[in-house]
PDB file of N, CA and C in Angstrom:
ATOM      1  N   UNK A   1      10.073  17.001  -0.287  1.00  0.00           N
ATOM      2  CA  UNK A   1       9.949  15.318   0.624  1.00  0.00           C
ATOM      3  C   UNK A   1      10.596  15.115  -0.608  1.00  0.00           C
ATOM      4  N   UNK A   2      11.597  14.215  -0.324  1.00  0.00           N
ATOM      5  CA  UNK A   2      12.182  13.437  -1.327  1.00  0.00           C
ATOM      6  C   UNK A   2      11.513  11.724  -2.059  1.00  0.00           C
ATOM      7  N   UNK A   3      12.598  11.397  -3.219  1.00  0.00           N
ATOM      8  CA  UNK A   3      11.456  10.492  -4.046  1.00  0.00           C
ATOM      9  C   UNK A   3      11.933   9.370  -2.845  1.00  0.00           C
ATOM     10  N   UNK A   4      12.448   8.941  -1.754  1.00  0.00           N
ATOM     11  CA  UNK A   4      12.416   7.678  -1.539  1.00  0.00           C
ATOM     12  C   UNK A   4      11.464   7.836  -0.753  1.00  0.00           C
ATOM     13  N   UNK A   5      10.852   8.736   0.121  1.00  0.00           N
ATOM     14  CA  UNK A   5       9.872   8.854   1.096  1.00  0.00           C
ATOM     15  C   UNK A   5       8.981   8.877   0.714  1.00  0.00           C
ATOM     16  N   UNK A   6       8.172   9.544  -0.390  1.00  0.00           N
ATOM     17  CA  UNK A   6       7.035   9.271  -1.559  1.00  0.00           C
ATOM     18  C   UNK A   6       7.144   7.499  -1.634  1.00  0.00           C
ATOM     19  N   UNK A   7       7.745   7.221  -2.210  1.00  0.00           N
ATOM     20  CA  UNK A   7       7.585   5.453  -2.414  1.00  0.00           C
ATOM     21  C   UNK A   7       7.289   4.954  -1.217  1.00  0.00           C
ATOM     22  N   UNK A   8       8.089   4.871  -0.324  1.00  0.00           N
ATOM     23  CA  UNK A   8       7.908   5.039   1.247  1.00  0.00           C
ATOM     24  C   UNK A   8       6.458   4.607   1.696  1.00  0.00           C
ATOM     25  N   UNK A   9       6.096   5.941   1.525  1.00  0.00           N
ATOM     26  CA  UNK A   9       4.834   6.721   1.482  1.00  0.00           C
ATOM     27  C   UNK A   9       3.525   6.062   0.903  1.00  0.00           C
ATOM     28  N   UNK A  10       3.507   5.842  -0.289  1.00  0.00           N
ATOM     29  CA  UNK A  10       2.628   4.708  -0.840  1.00  0.00           C
ATOM     30  C   UNK A  10       3.187   3.532  -0.540  1.00  0.00           C
ATOM     31  N   UNK A  11       4.464   3.013  -0.629  1.00  0.00           N
ATOM     32  CA  UNK A  11       3.748   1.868  -0.177  1.00  0.00           C
ATOM     33  C   UNK A  11       3.112   1.089   0.868  1.00  0.00           C
ATOM     34  N   UNK A  12       3.679   2.467   2.012  1.00  0.00           N
ATOM     35  CA  UNK A  12       2.585   2.194   3.488  1.00  0.00           C
ATOM     36  C   UNK A  12       1.502   2.098   2.816  1.00  0.00           C
ATOM     37  N   UNK A  13       0.969   3.212   2.096  1.00  0.00           N
ATOM     38  CA  UNK A  13      -0.746   2.946   2.186  1.00  0.00           C
ATOM     39  C   UNK A  13      -1.509   2.071   1.168  1.00  0.00           C
ATOM     40  N   UNK A  14      -0.543   1.801   0.154  1.00  0.00           N
ATOM     41  CA  UNK A  14      -0.773   0.709  -0.684  1.00  0.00           C
ATOM     42  C   UNK A  14      -1.147  -0.657   0.305  1.00  0.00           C
ATOM     43  N   UNK A  15       0.020  -1.192   1.023  1.00  0.00           N
ATOM     44  CA  UNK A  15      -0.370  -1.782   1.945  1.00  0.00           C
ATOM     45  C   UNK A  15      -1.511  -1.536   2.960  1.00  0.00           C
ATOM     46  N   UNK A  16      -1.952  -0.833   3.590  1.00  0.00           N
ATOM     47  CA  UNK A  16      -2.894   0.103   4.402  1.00  0.00           C
ATOM     48  C   UNK A  16      -4.392  -0.951   3.634  1.00  0.00           C
ATOM     49  N   UNK A  17      -4.384  -0.156   2.041  1.00  0.00           N
ATOM     50  CA  UNK A  17      -5.356  -0.688   1.709  1.00  0.00           C
ATOM     51  C   UNK A  17      -5.829  -1.721   1.688  1.00  0.00           C
ATOM     52  N   UNK A  18      -4.482  -3.089   0.913  1.00  0.00           N
ATOM     53  CA  UNK A  18      -4.542  -4.309   1.041  1.00  0.00           C
ATOM     54  C   UNK A  18      -5.450  -5.519   2.197  1.00  0.00           C
ATOM     55  N   UNK A  19      -4.431  -4.249   3.218  1.00  0.00           N
ATOM     56  CA  UNK A  19      -5.441  -4.910   4.144  1.00  0.00           C
ATOM     57  C   UNK A  19      -6.805  -4.676   4.905  1.00  0.00           C
ATOM     58  N   UNK A  20      -6.597  -3.447   4.480  1.00  0.00           N
ATOM     59  CA  UNK A  20      -8.203  -3.288   3.918  1.00  0.00           C
ATOM     60  C   UNK A  20      -8.835  -4.047   3.267  1.00  0.00           C
ATOM     61  N   UNK A  21      -9.029  -4.343   2.317  1.00  0.00           N
ATOM     62  CA  UNK A  21      -9.698  -5.311   1.379  1.00  0.00           C
ATOM     63  C   UNK A  21      -9.717  -5.977   1.923  1.00  0.00           C
ATOM     64  N   UNK A  22      -8.451  -6.799   2.153  1.00  0.00           N
ATOM     65  CA  UNK A  22      -8.909  -7.859   2.868  1.00  0.00           C
ATOM     66  C   UNK A  22      -9.528  -8.222   3.540  1.00  0.00           C
ATOM     67  N   UNK A  23      -9.370  -7.536   4.576  1.00  0.00           N
ATOM     68  CA  UNK A  23     -10.464  -7.114   6.126  1.00  0.00           C
ATOM     69  C   UNK A  23     -11.693  -7.670   5.460  1.00  0.00           C
ATOM     70  N   UNK A  24     -12.234  -7.064   3.969  1.00  0.00           N
ATOM     71  CA  UNK A  24     -13.648  -6.882   4.208  1.00  0.00           C
ATOM     72  C   UNK A  24     -13.882  -7.967   3.360  1.00  0.00           C
ATOM     73  N   UNK A  25     -13.072  -9.007   3.012  1.00  0.00           N
ATOM     74  CA  UNK A  25     -13.191  -9.822   2.519  1.00  0.00           C
ATOM     75  C   UNK A  25     -13.780 -11.152   3.217  1.00  0.00           C
ATOM     76  N   UNK A  26     -12.886 -10.919   4.491  1.00  0.00           N
ATOM     77  CA  UNK A  26     -13.337 -11.722   5.599  1.00  0.00           C
ATOM     78  C   UNK A  26     -14.641 -11.312   5.752  1.00  0.00           C
ATOM     79  N   UNK A  27     -15.143  -9.474   5.873  1.00  0.00           N
ATOM     80  CA  UNK A  27     -16.022  -9.504   6.812  1.00  0.00           C
ATOM     81  C   UNK A  27     -16.959 -10.249   5.388  1.00  0.00           C
ATOM     82  N   UNK A  28     -17.224 -10.242   5.064  1.00  0.00           N
ATOM     83  CA  UNK A  28     -17.972 -10.624   4.143  1.00  0.00           C
ATOM     84  C   UNK A  28     -18.393 -12.653   4.395  1.00  0.00           C
ATOM     85  N   UNK A  29     -16.984 -13.081   4.424  1.00  0.00           N
ATOM     86  CA  UNK A  29     -17.456 -14.524   4.998  1.00  0.00           C
ATOM     87  C   UNK A  29     -18.290 -14.588   6.412  1.00  0.00           C
ATOM     88  N   UNK A  30     -17.219 -13.865   7.395  1.00  0.00           N
ATOM     89  CA  UNK A  30     -18.274 -14.121   8.615  1.00  0.00           C
ATOM     90  C   UNK A  30     -18.757 -12.991   9.212  1.00  0.00           C
ATOM     91  N   UNK A  31     -19.828 -12.946   8.909  1.00  0.00           N
ATOM     92  CA  UNK A  31     -20.988 -11.656   9.371  1.00  0.00           C
ATOM     93  C   UNK A  31     -20.428 -11.707  10.394  1.00  0.00           C
ATOM     94  N   UNK A  32     -20.220 -10.737  11.236  1.00  0.00           N
ATOM     95  CA  UNK A  32     -20.484 -10.101  12.178  1.00  0.00           C
ATOM     96  C   UNK A  32     -20.400  -9.072  12.343  1.00  0.00           C
ATOM     97  N   UNK A  33     -21.006  -8.080  13.648  1.00  0.00           N
ATOM     98  CA  UNK A  33     -21.823  -6.737  13.749  1.00  0.00           C
ATOM     99  C   UNK A  33     -20.772  -6.110  15.103  1.00  0.00           C
ATOM    100  N   UNK A  34     -20.608  -4.779  14.943  1.00  0.00           N
ATOM    101  CA  UNK A  34     -20.279  -3.549  15.508  1.00  0.00           C
ATOM    102  C   UNK A  34     -18.682  -3.943  16.222  1.00  0.00           C
ATOM    103  N   UNK A  35     -17.720  -3.600  14.623  1.00  0.00           N
ATOM    104  CA  UNK A  35     -16.652  -3.366  14.736  1.00  0.00           C
ATOM    105  C   UNK A  35     -16.273  -2.330  14.696  1.00  0.00           C
ATOM    106  N   UNK A  36     -15.104  -2.010  15.944  1.00  0.00           N
ATOM    107  CA  UNK A  36     -14.499  -1.072  15.304  1.00  0.00           C
ATOM    108  C   UNK A  36     -13.688  -1.071  14.383  1.00  0.00           C
ATOM    109  N   UNK A  37     -13.933   0.220  13.431  1.00  0.00           N
ATOM    110  CA  UNK A  37     -12.491   0.081  12.904  1.00  0.00           C
ATOM    111  C   UNK A  37     -11.195   0.027  12.701  1.00  0.00           C
ATOM    112  N   UNK A  38      -9.854  -0.896  12.463  1.00  0.00           N
ATOM    113  CA  UNK A  38      -8.807  -1.308  12.651  1.00  0.00           C
ATOM    114  C   UNK A  38      -8.103   0.074  11.612  1.00  0.00           C
ATOM    115  N   UNK A  39      -8.220  -0.291  10.906  1.00  0.00           N
ATOM    116  CA  UNK A  39      -7.368   0.937  10.110  1.00  0.00           C
ATOM    117  C   UNK A  39      -8.041   2.681  10.568  1.00  0.00           C
ATOM    118  N   UNK A  40      -6.509   2.702   9.962  1.00  0.00           N
ATOM    119  CA  UNK A  40      -6.707   4.498   9.915  1.00  0.00           C
ATOM    120  C   UNK A  40      -7.683   4.707   8.333  1.00  0.00           C
ATOM    121  N   UNK A  41      -8.025   6.028   8.517  1.00  0.00           N
ATOM    122  CA  UNK A  41      -9.066   7.022   7.316  1.00  0.00           C
ATOM    123  C   UNK A  41      -7.828   6.642   6.118  1.00  0.00           C
ATOM    124  N   UNK A  42      -8.282   6.624   4.707  1.00  0.00           N
ATOM    125  CA  UNK A  42      -7.072   6.972   3.595  1.00  0.00           C
ATOM    126  C   UNK A  42      -7.111   7.749   3.050  1.00  0.00           C
ATOM    127  N   UNK A  43      -5.652   8.166   3.049  1.00  0.00           N
ATOM    128  CA  UNK A  43      -5.095   9.331   2.138  1.00  0.00           C
ATOM    129  C   UNK A  43      -5.468  10.038   1.128  1.00  0.00           C
ATOM    130  N   UNK A  44      -5.477  10.762   1.646  1.00  0.00           N
ATOM    131  CA  UNK A  44      -6.399  11.423   0.266  1.00  0.00           C
ATOM    132  C   UNK A  44      -5.513  11.394  -1.067  1.00  0.00           C
ATOM    133  N   UNK A  45      -4.354  11.209  -0.507  1.00  0.00           N
ATOM    134  CA  UNK A  45      -3.420  11.663  -1.749  1.00  0.00           C
ATOM    135  C   UNK A  45      -3.117   9.667  -2.606  1.00  0.00           C
ATOM    136  N   UNK A  46      -3.206   9.059  -1.833  1.00  0.00           N
ATOM    137  CA  UNK A  46      -3.431   7.908  -2.389  1.00  0.00           C
ATOM    138  C   UNK A  46      -4.722   7.055  -2.718  1.00  0.00           C
ATOM    139  N   UNK A  47      -6.064   8.254  -2.618  1.00  0.00           N
ATOM    140  CA  UNK A  47      -7.399   7.661  -2.988  1.00  0.00           C
ATOM    141  C   UNK A  47      -7.235   6.756  -3.947  1.00  0.00           C
ATOM    142  N   UNK A  48      -6.847   6.324  -5.193  1.00  0.00           N
ATOM    143  CA  UNK A  48      -6.722   5.718  -6.126  1.00  0.00           C
ATOM    144  C   UNK A  48      -6.516   4.505  -5.954  1.00  0.00           C
ATOM    145  N   UNK A  49      -5.641   3.982  -4.682  1.00  0.00           N
ATOM    146  CA  UNK A  49      -5.733   2.965  -3.974  1.00  0.00           C
ATOM    147  C   UNK A  49      -6.714   2.013  -4.270  1.00  0.00           C
ATOM    148  N   UNK A  50      -7.601   2.793  -3.624  1.00  0.00           N
ATOM    149  CA  UNK A  50      -9.190   2.218  -3.749  1.00  0.00           C
ATOM    150  C   UNK A  50     -10.119   1.658  -4.126  1.00  0.00           C
ATOM    151  N   UNK A  51      -9.423   1.988  -4.874  1.00  0.00           N
ATOM    152  CA  UNK A  51     -10.364   0.972  -6.317  1.00  0.00           C
ATOM    153  C   UNK A  51      -9.797   0.119  -7.237  1.00  0.00           C
ATOM    154  N   UNK A  52      -8.214  -0.149  -6.285  1.00  0.00           N
ATOM    155  CA  UNK A  52      -7.498  -1.205  -7.190  1.00  0.00           C
ATOM    156  C   UNK A  52      -7.953  -2.901  -6.352  1.00  0.00           C
ATOM    157  N   UNK A  53      -8.068  -3.803  -7.246  1.00  0.00           N
ATOM    158  CA  UNK A  53      -8.126  -5.211  -7.060  1.00  0.00           C
ATOM    159  C   UNK A  53      -7.165  -5.558  -5.798  1.00  0.00           C
ATOM    160  N   UNK A  54      -7.817  -6.560  -5.035  1.00  0.00           N
ATOM    161  CA  UNK A  54      -6.477  -7.139  -4.258  1.00  0.00           C
ATOM    162  C   UNK A  54      -5.259  -7.481  -5.144  1.00  0.00           C
ATOM    163  N   UNK A  55      -6.013  -8.401  -6.399  1.00  0.00           N
ATOM    164  CA  UNK A  55      -4.745  -8.164  -7.374  1.00  0.00           C
ATOM    165  C   UNK A  55      -3.738  -7.659  -7.658  1.00  0.00           C
ATOM    166  N   UNK A  56      -4.273  -6.288  -8.202  1.00  0.00           N
ATOM    167  CA  UNK A  56      -3.211  -5.156  -8.641  1.00  0.00           C
ATOM    168  C   UNK A  56      -2.509  -4.643  -7.505  1.00  0.00           C
ATOM    169  N   UNK A  57      -3.422  -4.452  -6.250  1.00  0.00           N
ATOM    170  CA  UNK A  57      -2.488  -4.070  -5.652  1.00  0.00           C
ATOM    171  C   UNK A  57      -1.490  -4.701  -4.805  1.00  0.00           C
ATOM    172  N   UNK A  58      -1.133  -6.202  -4.408  1.00  0.00           N
ATOM    173  CA  UNK A  58      -0.203  -7.164  -4.634  1.00  0.00           C
ATOM    174  C   UNK A  58       1.697  -6.963  -5.492  1.00  0.00           C
ATOM    175  N   UNK A  59       0.210  -6.431  -6.595  1.00  0.00           N
ATOM    176  CA  UNK A  59       1.278  -6.176  -7.934  1.00  0.00           C
ATOM    177  C   UNK A  59       1.925  -4.823  -7.465  1.00  0.00           C
ATOM    178  N   UNK A  60       1.405  -3.610  -7.420  1.00  0.00           N
ATOM    179  CA  UNK A  60       1.633  -2.750  -7.154  1.00  0.00           C
ATOM    180  C   UNK A  60       2.635  -2.661  -5.802  1.00  0.00           C
ATOM    181  N   UNK A  61       2.494  -3.250  -5.232  1.00  0.00           N
ATOM    182  CA  UNK A  61       3.378  -3.629  -3.993  1.00  0.00           C
ATOM    183  C   UNK A  61       4.311  -4.203  -4.214  1.00  0.00           C
ATOM    184  N   UNK A  62       4.627  -5.273  -5.008  1.00  0.00           N
ATOM    185  CA  UNK A  62       6.012  -5.414  -5.735  1.00  0.00           C
ATOM    186  C   UNK A  62       6.674  -4.126  -5.976  1.00  0.00           C
ATOM    187  N   UNK A  63       5.602  -3.529  -7.225  1.00  0.00           N
ATOM    188  CA  UNK A  63       6.275  -2.620  -8.017  1.00  0.00           C
ATOM    189  C   UNK A  63       7.457  -1.889  -6.794  1.00  0.00           C
ATOM    190  N   UNK A  64       6.485  -1.428  -6.196  1.00  0.00           N
ATOM    191  CA  UNK A  64       6.857  -0.382  -5.105  1.00  0.00           C
ATOM    192  C   UNK A  64       8.234  -0.700  -4.117  1.00  0.00           C
ATOM    193  N   UNK A  65       7.781  -1.745  -3.515  1.00  0.00           N
ATOM    194  CA  UNK A  65       9.334  -2.017  -3.332  1.00  0.00           C
ATOM    195  C   UNK A  65      10.602  -2.345  -3.927  1.00  0.00           C
ATOM    196  N   UNK A  66      10.062  -2.922  -5.628  1.00  0.00           N
ATOM    197  CA  UNK A  66      11.492  -2.778  -6.190  1.00  0.00           C
ATOM    198  C   UNK A  66      11.832  -1.757  -6.279  1.00  0.00           C
ATOM    199  N   UNK A  67      11.502  -0.665  -7.127  1.00  0.00           N
ATOM    200  CA  UNK A  67      11.680   1.153  -7.334  1.00  0.00           C
ATOM    201  C   UNK A  67      12.674   1.530  -6.649  1.00  0.00           C
ATOM    202  N   UNK A  68      11.386   1.009  -4.923  1.00  0.00           N
ATOM    203  CA  UNK A  68      12.089   1.569  -4.071  1.00  0.00           C
ATOM    204  C   UNK A  68      13.991   0.752  -3.443  1.00  0.00           C
ATOM    205  N   UNK A  69      13.937  -0.441  -3.895  1.00  0.00           N
ATOM    206  CA  UNK A  69      15.023  -1.329  -3.570  1.00  0.00           C
ATOM    207  C   UNK A  69      16.087  -0.656  -4.219  1.00  0.00           C
ATOM    208  N   UNK A  70      15.855   0.170  -6.069  1.00  0.00           N
ATOM    209  CA  UNK A  70      16.214   0.536  -7.136  1.00  0.00           C
ATOM    210  C   UNK A  70      17.029   1.871  -6.750  1.00  0.00           C
ATOM    211  N   UNK A  71      15.818   2.193  -5.366  1.00  0.00           N
ATOM    212  CA  UNK A  71      16.455   4.203  -5.692  1.00  0.00           C
ATOM    213  C   UNK A  71      17.687   4.144  -4.267  1.00  0.00           C
ATOM    214  N   UNK A  72      17.214   2.944  -3.564  1.00  0.00           N
ATOM    215  CA  UNK A  72      17.982   3.171  -2.529  1.00  0.00           C
ATOM    216  C   UNK A  72      19.515   2.871  -2.518  1.00  0.00           C
ATOM    217  N   UNK A  73      19.275   1.781  -3.814  1.00  0.00           N
ATOM    218  CA  UNK A  73      20.651   1.097  -4.351  1.00  0.00           C
ATOM    219  C   UNK A  73      21.670   2.359  -4.997  1.00  0.00           C
ATOM    220  N   UNK A  74      20.765   2.631  -6.340  1.00  0.00           N
ATOM    221  CA  UNK A  74      21.735   3.996  -6.941  1.00  0.00           C
ATOM    222  C   UNK A  74      21.678   5.019  -6.219  1.00  0.00           C
ATOM    223  N   UNK A  75      21.376   4.713  -5.040  1.00  0.00           N
ATOM    224  CA  UNK A  75      21.323   6.454  -4.019  1.00  0.00           C
ATOM    225  C   UNK A  75      23.012   6.241  -3.464  1.00  0.00           C
ATOM    226  N   UNK A  76      22.595   4.552  -3.078  1.00  0.00           N
ATOM    227  CA  UNK A  76      24.325   4.274  -2.539  1.00  0.00           C
ATOM    228  C   UNK A  76      24.915   4.043  -3.057  1.00  0.00           C
ATOM    229  N   UNK A  77      25.251   3.875  -4.248  1.00  0.00           N
ATOM    230  CA  UNK A  77      26.091   3.314  -5.511  1.00  0.00           C
ATOM    231  C   UNK A  77      26.373   3.823  -6.586  1.00  0.00           C
ATOM    232  N   UNK A  78      26.146   5.355  -6.672  1.00  0.00           N
ATOM    233  CA  UNK A  78      25.727   5.660  -7.635  1.00  0.00           C
ATOM    234  C   UNK A  78      26.629   5.496  -8.824  1.00  0.00           C
ATOM    235  N   UNK A  79      28.099   4.904  -8.439  1.00  0.00           N
ATOM    236  CA  UNK A  79      28.587   4.955 -10.013  1.00  0.00           C
ATOM    237  C   UNK A  79      28.482   3.464 -10.347  1.00  0.00           C
ATOM    238  N   UNK A  80      28.143   2.712  -9.702  1.00  0.00           N
ATOM    239  CA  UNK A  80      27.697   0.912 -10.800  1.00  0.00           C
ATOM    240  C   UNK A  80      26.899   1.149 -11.643  1.00  0.00           C
TER     241      UNK A  80
END
């Protein structure tokens, strides 16, 4: 597995976790019962994301997006 694929997987996992946490926050505000889970189970490789706050996840996602952009730019333009 190459570096870009690892970054993409972690970015996807971080976004999933952010959606999960935001849904939990809205569930606390609107208490409703008997809902089917909308998100898939957590990827065990990225369980550490579950320990992050919403703000930390948003920051982490921004960093991953920048890392992925930098990696892809370096990959396409290695001479610059």
